[in-house]
Amino acid sequence: MNGRSRRKSAGAAATLLALGISITPHAAAQPAPDIAPFYAFGGFALFGPDSNDQLRGERGGAGLNLGGGLRFSRLLSFELGVLGAGYRLDTPASAAPAAGTFKDGTLRTNLGTGGLNLSAKFHFTQGRVDPYFGAGVGLYTTNFRTTSEASTCERHCADTGPRITSRSRDAGYHALIGVDYHVTQKDVAGVEFRQLKLDANFDDIGLGKVKAGGSLLWLGYRRYF
């Protein structure tokens, strides 16, 4: 994550924390809702990628997280989710098409990661407020893609030139901390910070092992059934 993205994520996290602190006394005084065993969830996230010595210009990106869960008890839940995130970066020299085969200034490189993950979460419910922390593992596919415009193209030129692509499938792990707020018995708004550790291998395009994980600040919705 570059400095600007890091400051934005830190500012968003601080704002959400302050909001959580402000509503906690009132929410904790409310009666605790009955919690159903099954729920679905979904939402979007700000993504700050881990930095790599062999990469430059890594920009903050966006992600999503959705899936379902089982509230085993008031203290413990399990979730199966689909997590995805992506961002742009400067095109590495080793992953650029040969000079003269594309229009200058049109290289565009993206790195995206997605996969299934399983999490265990421990809860400390206080009234309508439900703080938690947890950890988990997942299987992810990371895609590296560089596109360009053809040197002879004059109209509708996007992605008409040479491409450089690579794919890596790897296991990763994560830690998380968050807080849910029961708007109603079944409708829940939540915010979560997740740190994903994931290494991808791009030896075929000369990049070697790349840190493909990062930090996600997720804002989402859960629906209990």
C-alpha atoms as a PDB file:
ATOM      1  CA  MET A   1       0.000   0.000   0.000  1.00  0.00           C
ATOM      2  CA  ASN A   2       1.405   3.404  -0.853  1.00  0.00           C
ATOM      3  CA  GLY A   3       1.436   6.253   1.653  1.00  0.00           C
ATOM      4  CA  ARG A   4      -1.770   7.844   0.434  1.00  0.00           C
ATOM      5  CA  SER A   5      -3.723   4.568   0.490  1.00  0.00           C
ATOM      6  CA  ARG A   6      -2.354   3.746   3.935  1.00  0.00           C
ATOM      7  CA  ARG A   7      -3.488   7.126   5.281  1.00  0.00           C
ATOM      8  CA  LYS A   8      -6.947   6.681   3.757  1.00  0.00           C
ATOM      9  CA  SER A   9      -7.375   3.209   5.288  1.00  0.00           C
ATOM     10  CA  ALA A  10      -6.100   4.414   8.655  1.00  0.00           C
ATOM     11  CA  GLY A  11      -8.501   7.361   8.553  1.00  0.00           C
ATOM     12  CA  ALA A  12     -11.443   5.134   7.636  1.00  0.00           C
ATOM     13  CA  ALA A  13     -10.569   2.670  10.390  1.00  0.00           C
ATOM     14  CA  ALA A  14     -10.300   5.474  12.960  1.00  0.00           C
ATOM     15  CA  THR A  15     -13.660   6.918  11.902  1.00  0.00           C
ATOM     16  CA  LEU A  16     -15.376   3.540  12.132  1.00  0.00           C
ATOM     17  CA  LEU A  17     -13.778   2.848  15.511  1.00  0.00           C
ATOM     18  CA  ALA A  18     -14.988   6.203  16.840  1.00  0.00           C
ATOM     19  CA  LEU A  19     -18.478   5.469  15.535  1.00  0.00           C
ATOM     20  CA  GLY A  20     -18.445   2.047  17.199  1.00  0.00           C
ATOM     21  CA  ILE A  21     -17.356   3.542  20.528  1.00  0.00           C
ATOM     22  CA  SER A  22     -20.086   6.180  20.344  1.00  0.00           C
ATOM     23  CA  ILE A  23     -22.927   3.684  19.797  1.00  0.00           C
ATOM     24  CA  THR A  24     -21.693   0.956  22.144  1.00  0.00           C
ATOM     25  CA  PRO A  25     -23.117   2.333  25.443  1.00  0.00           C
ATOM     26  CA  HIS A  26     -26.573   2.803  23.942  1.00  0.00           C
ATOM     27  CA  ALA A  27     -26.532  -0.500  22.033  1.00  0.00           C
ATOM     28  CA  ALA A  28     -25.263  -2.529  24.969  1.00  0.00           C
ATOM     29  CA  ALA A  29     -28.203  -1.277  27.022  1.00  0.00           C
ATOM     30  CA  GLN A  30     -30.641  -2.766  24.518  1.00  0.00           C
ATOM     31  CA  PRO A  31     -31.881  -6.333  24.981  1.00  0.00           C
ATOM     32  CA  ALA A  32     -29.744  -8.918  23.216  1.00  0.00           C
ATOM     33  CA  PRO A  33     -31.512 -10.354  20.154  1.00  0.00           C
ATOM     34  CA  ASP A  34     -32.104 -14.074  19.768  1.00  0.00           C
ATOM     35  CA  ILE A  35     -29.437 -15.289  17.357  1.00  0.00           C
ATOM     36  CA  ALA A  36     -30.464 -17.753  14.640  1.00  0.00           C
ATOM     37  CA  PRO A  37     -27.918 -20.427  13.652  1.00  0.00           C
ATOM     38  CA  PHE A  38     -27.483 -19.679   9.937  1.00  0.00           C
ATOM     39  CA  TYR A  39     -26.706 -16.454   8.111  1.00  0.00           C
ATOM     40  CA  ALA A  40     -25.522 -15.056   4.780  1.00  0.00           C
ATOM     41  CA  PHE A  41     -23.236 -12.057   4.365  1.00  0.00           C
ATOM     42  CA  GLY A  42     -21.790  -9.780   1.712  1.00  0.00           C
ATOM     43  CA  GLY A  43     -20.057  -6.459   1.288  1.00  0.00           C
ATOM     44  CA  PHE A  44     -17.225  -4.458  -0.247  1.00  0.00           C
ATOM     45  CA  ALA A  45     -13.781  -3.608   1.088  1.00  0.00           C
ATOM     46  CA  LEU A  46     -10.896  -1.211   0.672  1.00  0.00           C
ATOM     47  CA  PHE A  47      -7.780  -3.231  -0.175  1.00  0.00           C
ATOM     48  CA  GLY A  48      -4.201  -2.235   0.657  1.00  0.00           C
ATOM     49  CA  PRO A  49      -1.768  -4.679  -1.021  1.00  0.00           C
ATOM     50  CA  ASP A  50       1.427  -5.823   0.662  1.00  0.00           C
ATOM     51  CA  SER A  51       4.526  -4.213  -0.869  1.00  0.00           C
ATOM     52  CA  ASN A  52       7.081  -6.119  -2.961  1.00  0.00           C
ATOM     53  CA  ASP A  53      10.677  -5.155  -3.688  1.00  0.00           C
ATOM     54  CA  GLN A  54      10.371  -6.281  -7.324  1.00  0.00           C
ATOM     55  CA  LEU A  55       7.180  -4.287  -7.977  1.00  0.00           C
ATOM     56  CA  ARG A  56       6.514  -0.545  -8.203  1.00  0.00           C
ATOM     57  CA  GLY A  57       3.495   1.711  -8.089  1.00  0.00           C
ATOM     58  CA  GLU A  58       1.234  -0.666  -6.171  1.00  0.00           C
ATOM     59  CA  ARG A  59      -2.023   1.248  -5.678  1.00  0.00           C
ATOM     60  CA  GLY A  60      -4.808   0.707  -3.207  1.00  0.00           C
ATOM     61  CA  GLY A  61      -7.627  -1.328  -4.691  1.00  0.00           C
ATOM     62  CA  ALA A  62     -11.041  -2.771  -3.953  1.00  0.00           C
ATOM     63  CA  GLY A  63     -12.323  -6.127  -2.791  1.00  0.00           C
ATOM     64  CA  LEU A  64     -15.435  -8.050  -1.871  1.00  0.00           C
ATOM     65  CA  ASN A  65     -16.300 -10.761   0.615  1.00  0.00           C
ATOM     66  CA  LEU A  66     -19.485 -12.827   0.625  1.00  0.00           C
ATOM     67  CA  GLY A  67     -20.654 -16.209   1.794  1.00  0.00           C
ATOM     68  CA  GLY A  68     -22.488 -17.917   4.627  1.00  0.00           C
ATOM     69  CA  GLY A  69     -21.993 -18.819   8.253  1.00  0.00           C
ATOM     70  CA  LEU A  70     -23.074 -21.022  11.110  1.00  0.00           C
ATOM     71  CA  ARG A  71     -23.465 -19.481  14.573  1.00  0.00           C
ATOM     72  CA  PHE A  72     -22.493 -22.563  16.574  1.00  0.00           C
ATOM     73  CA  SER A  73     -23.105 -20.732  19.852  1.00  0.00           C
ATOM     74  CA  ARG A  74     -23.167 -17.167  21.176  1.00  0.00           C
ATOM     75  CA  LEU A  75     -19.368 -17.425  21.536  1.00  0.00           C
ATOM     76  CA  LEU A  76     -18.367 -19.248  18.342  1.00  0.00           C
ATOM     77  CA  SER A  77     -19.206 -19.147  14.642  1.00  0.00           C
ATOM     78  CA  PHE A  78     -17.803 -20.587  11.406  1.00  0.00           C
ATOM     79  CA  GLU A  79     -17.860 -18.915   8.000  1.00  0.00           C
ATOM     80  CA  LEU A  80     -17.262 -20.102   4.436  1.00  0.00           C
ATOM     81  CA  GLY A  81     -16.616 -17.141   2.174  1.00  0.00           C
ATOM     82  CA  VAL A  82     -15.534 -16.049  -1.274  1.00  0.00           C
ATOM     83  CA  LEU A  83     -12.911 -13.307  -1.076  1.00  0.00           C
ATOM     84  CA  GLY A  84     -11.634 -11.303  -4.027  1.00  0.00           C
ATOM     85  CA  ALA A  85      -9.430  -8.231  -4.401  1.00  0.00           C
ATOM     86  CA  GLY A  86      -7.473  -6.483  -7.135  1.00  0.00           C
ATOM     87  CA  TYR A  87      -5.295  -3.453  -7.824  1.00  0.00           C
ATOM     88  CA  ARG A  88      -3.134  -1.749 -10.442  1.00  0.00           C
ATOM     89  CA  LEU A  89       0.646  -1.415 -10.483  1.00  0.00           C
ATOM     90  CA  ASP A  90       3.437  -0.231 -12.760  1.00  0.00           C
ATOM     91  CA  THR A  91       4.374  -2.761 -15.420  1.00  0.00           C
ATOM     92  CA  PRO A  92       7.625  -4.569 -14.482  1.00  0.00           C
ATOM     93  CA  ALA A  93      10.265  -4.694 -17.214  1.00  0.00           C
ATOM     94  CA  SER A  94      10.280  -8.499 -17.137  1.00  0.00           C
ATOM     95  CA  ALA A  95       6.523  -8.574 -17.796  1.00  0.00           C
ATOM     96  CA  ALA A  96       6.403  -6.060 -20.654  1.00  0.00           C
ATOM     97  CA  PRO A  97       5.914  -7.070 -24.315  1.00  0.00           C
ATOM     98  CA  ALA A  98       8.809  -6.539 -26.709  1.00  0.00           C
ATOM     99  CA  ALA A  99       9.449  -2.897 -27.631  1.00  0.00           C
ATOM    100  CA  GLY A 100       7.827  -1.869 -30.899  1.00  0.00           C
ATOM    101  CA  THR A 101       4.982  -4.401 -30.634  1.00  0.00           C
ATOM    102  CA  PHE A 102       2.593  -2.017 -28.856  1.00  0.00           C
ATOM    103  CA  LYS A 103       1.716   1.676 -28.693  1.00  0.00           C
ATOM    104  CA  ASP A 104       3.935   3.593 -26.262  1.00  0.00           C
ATOM    105  CA  GLY A 105       2.263   4.570 -22.993  1.00  0.00           C
ATOM    106  CA  THR A 106      -0.544   2.016 -23.230  1.00  0.00           C
ATOM    107  CA  LEU A 107       0.745  -0.720 -20.930  1.00  0.00           C
ATOM    108  CA  ARG A 108      -1.687  -1.535 -18.120  1.00  0.00           C
ATOM    109  CA  THR A 109      -0.962  -4.099 -15.400  1.00  0.00           C
ATOM    110  CA  ASN A 110      -3.341  -5.552 -12.816  1.00  0.00           C
ATOM    111  CA  LEU A 111      -2.917  -8.104 -10.054  1.00  0.00           C
ATOM    112  CA  GLY A 112      -6.020  -9.850  -8.762  1.00  0.00           C
ATOM    113  CA  THR A 113      -6.594 -12.525  -6.123  1.00  0.00           C
ATOM    114  CA  GLY A 114      -9.683 -14.573  -5.363  1.00  0.00           C
ATOM    115  CA  GLY A 115     -10.640 -17.790  -3.627  1.00  0.00           C
ATOM    116  CA  LEU A 116     -12.547 -19.728  -0.980  1.00  0.00           C
ATOM    117  CA  ASN A 117     -11.748 -19.299   2.694  1.00  0.00           C
ATOM    118  CA  LEU A 118     -12.882 -20.789   5.995  1.00  0.00           C
ATOM    119  CA  SER A 119     -12.885 -18.739   9.216  1.00  0.00           C
ATOM    120  CA  ALA A 120     -13.502 -19.426  12.892  1.00  0.00           C
ATOM    121  CA  LYS A 121     -14.722 -16.414  14.920  1.00  0.00           C
ATOM    122  CA  PHE A 122     -14.989 -15.830  18.669  1.00  0.00           C
ATOM    123  CA  HIS A 123     -17.702 -13.412  19.833  1.00  0.00           C
ATOM    124  CA  PHE A 124     -18.206 -11.165  22.872  1.00  0.00           C
ATOM    125  CA  THR A 125     -21.815 -10.095  22.429  1.00  0.00           C
ATOM    126  CA  GLN A 126     -23.051  -7.098  24.447  1.00  0.00           C
ATOM    127  CA  GLY A 127     -26.660  -6.308  23.738  1.00  0.00           C
ATOM    128  CA  ARG A 128     -26.972  -5.429  20.068  1.00  0.00           C
ATOM    129  CA  VAL A 129     -23.202  -5.008  19.674  1.00  0.00           C
ATOM    130  CA  ASP A 130     -21.271  -8.129  18.683  1.00  0.00           C
ATOM    131  CA  PRO A 131     -17.460  -7.693  18.686  1.00  0.00           C
ATOM    132  CA  TYR A 132     -15.382 -10.638  17.461  1.00  0.00           C
ATOM    133  CA  PHE A 133     -11.965 -11.802  16.376  1.00  0.00           C
ATOM    134  CA  GLY A 134     -10.821 -14.865  14.473  1.00  0.00           C
ATOM    135  CA  ALA A 135      -8.566 -16.527  11.931  1.00  0.00           C
ATOM    136  CA  GLY A 136      -8.779 -18.862   8.970  1.00  0.00           C
ATOM    137  CA  VAL A 137      -7.284 -20.419   5.873  1.00  0.00           C
ATOM    138  CA  GLY A 138      -8.113 -20.389   2.188  1.00  0.00           C
ATOM    139  CA  LEU A 139      -7.215 -21.501  -1.327  1.00  0.00           C
ATOM    140  CA  TYR A 140      -6.628 -18.651  -3.763  1.00  0.00           C
ATOM    141  CA  THR A 141      -5.876 -18.024  -7.425  1.00  0.00           C
ATOM    142  CA  THR A 142      -3.744 -14.966  -8.204  1.00  0.00           C
ATOM    143  CA  ASN A 143      -3.735 -13.553 -11.730  1.00  0.00           C
ATOM    144  CA  PHE A 144      -1.116 -11.212 -13.191  1.00  0.00           C
ATOM    145  CA  ARG A 145      -2.180  -9.471 -16.404  1.00  0.00           C
ATOM    146  CA  THR A 146      -0.476  -6.862 -18.585  1.00  0.00           C
ATOM    147  CA  THR A 147      -2.389  -5.502 -21.590  1.00  0.00           C
ATOM    148  CA  SER A 148      -1.539  -2.976 -24.286  1.00  0.00           C
ATOM    149  CA  GLU A 149      -2.822  -1.309 -27.428  1.00  0.00           C
ATOM    150  CA  ALA A 150      -1.667  -2.389 -30.868  1.00  0.00           C
ATOM    151  CA  SER A 151       0.790   0.033 -32.494  1.00  0.00           C
ATOM    152  CA  THR A 152      -1.291   0.107 -35.697  1.00  0.00           C
ATOM    153  CA  CYS A 153      -4.690   0.562 -34.042  1.00  0.00           C
ATOM    154  CA  GLU A 154      -6.488   3.905 -34.450  1.00  0.00           C
ATOM    155  CA  ARG A 155      -9.995   3.274 -33.038  1.00  0.00           C
ATOM    156  CA  HIS A 156     -11.318   1.027 -30.209  1.00  0.00           C
ATOM    157  CA  CYS A 157      -7.762   0.150 -29.246  1.00  0.00           C
ATOM    158  CA  ALA A 158      -8.161  -1.100 -25.672  1.00  0.00           C
ATOM    159  CA  ASP A 159      -6.504  -4.488 -25.131  1.00  0.00           C
ATOM    160  CA  THR A 160      -5.693  -4.948 -28.835  1.00  0.00           C
ATOM    161  CA  GLY A 161      -1.937  -5.344 -28.393  1.00  0.00           C
ATOM    162  CA  PRO A 162       0.255  -8.067 -26.872  1.00  0.00           C
ATOM    163  CA  ARG A 163      -0.643  -9.482 -23.460  1.00  0.00           C
ATOM    164  CA  ILE A 164       1.478 -10.946 -20.696  1.00  0.00           C
ATOM    165  CA  THR A 165      -0.378 -13.181 -18.235  1.00  0.00           C
ATOM    166  CA  SER A 166       0.491 -15.542 -15.404  1.00  0.00           C
ATOM    167  CA  ARG A 167      -1.494 -17.483 -12.793  1.00  0.00           C
ATOM    168  CA  SER A 168      -0.620 -18.948  -9.415  1.00  0.00           C
ATOM    169  CA  ARG A 169      -2.729 -21.166  -7.134  1.00  0.00           C
ATOM    170  CA  ASP A 170      -1.735 -21.138  -3.481  1.00  0.00           C
ATOM    171  CA  ALA A 171      -2.914 -21.568   0.095  1.00  0.00           C
ATOM    172  CA  GLY A 172      -3.100 -18.507   2.349  1.00  0.00           C
ATOM    173  CA  TYR A 173      -4.166 -17.621   5.865  1.00  0.00           C
ATOM    174  CA  HIS A 174      -5.745 -14.617   7.547  1.00  0.00           C
ATOM    175  CA  ALA A 175      -6.522 -12.968  10.877  1.00  0.00           C
ATOM    176  CA  LEU A 176      -9.523 -10.724  11.450  1.00  0.00           C
ATOM    177  CA  ILE A 177     -11.199  -8.460  13.971  1.00  0.00           C
ATOM    178  CA  GLY A 178     -14.551  -6.760  13.648  1.00  0.00           C
ATOM    179  CA  VAL A 179     -17.836  -5.684  15.173  1.00  0.00           C
ATOM    180  CA  ASP A 180     -21.454  -6.320  14.138  1.00  0.00           C
ATOM    181  CA  TYR A 181     -24.497  -4.276  15.100  1.00  0.00           C
ATOM    182  CA  HIS A 182     -27.958  -5.905  15.179  1.00  0.00           C
ATOM    183  CA  VAL A 183     -30.225  -3.338  13.545  1.00  0.00           C
ATOM    184  CA  THR A 184     -33.022  -5.893  13.992  1.00  0.00           C
ATOM    185  CA  GLN A 185     -33.025  -9.484  15.196  1.00  0.00           C
ATOM    186  CA  LYS A 186     -32.122 -10.726  11.701  1.00  0.00           C
ATOM    187  CA  ASP A 187     -30.514  -7.702  10.011  1.00  0.00           C
ATOM    188  CA  VAL A 188     -26.926  -6.915  10.935  1.00  0.00           C
ATOM    189  CA  ALA A 189     -24.475  -4.236   9.782  1.00  0.00           C
ATOM    190  CA  GLY A 190     -20.798  -5.001  10.251  1.00  0.00           C
ATOM    191  CA  VAL A 191     -17.282  -3.681   9.818  1.00  0.00           C
ATOM    192  CA  GLU A 192     -14.179  -5.866   9.760  1.00  0.00           C
ATOM    193  CA  PHE A 193     -10.418  -5.516   9.383  1.00  0.00           C
ATOM    194  CA  ARG A 194      -8.702  -8.538   7.825  1.00  0.00           C
ATOM    195  CA  GLN A 195      -5.013  -9.210   7.163  1.00  0.00           C
ATOM    196  CA  LEU A 196      -4.427 -11.769   4.402  1.00  0.00           C
ATOM    197  CA  LYS A 197      -1.044 -13.486   4.072  1.00  0.00           C
ATOM    198  CA  LEU A 198      -0.581 -15.056   0.650  1.00  0.00           C
ATOM    199  CA  ASP A 199       2.433 -15.780  -1.557  1.00  0.00           C
ATOM    200  CA  ALA A 200       2.096 -16.289  -5.327  1.00  0.00           C
ATOM    201  CA  ASN A 201       4.751 -17.619  -7.694  1.00  0.00           C
ATOM    202  CA  PHE A 202       5.372 -15.872 -11.019  1.00  0.00           C
ATOM    203  CA  ASP A 203       8.683 -17.440 -12.054  1.00  0.00           C
ATOM    204  CA  ASP A 204       7.424 -17.784 -15.621  1.00  0.00           C
ATOM    205  CA  ILE A 205       7.440 -13.998 -16.109  1.00  0.00           C
ATOM    206  CA  GLY A 206      10.586 -13.320 -14.098  1.00  0.00           C
ATOM    207  CA  LEU A 207       8.990 -11.977 -10.917  1.00  0.00           C
ATOM    208  CA  GLY A 208       9.550 -14.971  -8.629  1.00  0.00           C
ATOM    209  CA  LYS A 209       7.597 -15.099  -5.365  1.00  0.00           C
ATOM    210  CA  VAL A 210       5.216 -12.184  -4.856  1.00  0.00           C
ATOM    211  CA  LYS A 211       3.261 -11.153  -1.750  1.00  0.00           C
ATOM    212  CA  ALA A 212      -0.288 -11.232  -3.090  1.00  0.00           C
ATOM    213  CA  GLY A 213      -2.114 -10.537   0.175  1.00  0.00           C
ATOM    214  CA  GLY A 214      -2.746  -7.336   2.077  1.00  0.00           C
ATOM    215  CA  SER A 215      -5.161  -5.496   4.367  1.00  0.00           C
ATOM    216  CA  LEU A 216      -8.912  -5.320   3.834  1.00  0.00           C
ATOM    217  CA  LEU A 217     -11.302  -2.942   5.570  1.00  0.00           C
ATOM    218  CA  TRP A 218     -14.723  -4.482   4.945  1.00  0.00           C
ATOM    219  CA  LEU A 219     -18.165  -2.962   5.387  1.00  0.00           C
ATOM    220  CA  GLY A 220     -21.014  -5.407   4.970  1.00  0.00           C
ATOM    221  CA  TYR A 221     -24.388  -6.856   5.842  1.00  0.00           C
ATOM    222  CA  ARG A 222     -25.447 -10.143   7.444  1.00  0.00           C
ATOM    223  CA  ARG A 223     -28.881 -11.710   7.316  1.00  0.00           C
ATOM    224  CA  TYR A 224     -29.790 -14.382   9.858  1.00  0.00           C
ATOM    225  CA  PHE A 225     -32.331 -17.090   9.014  1.00  0.00           C
END
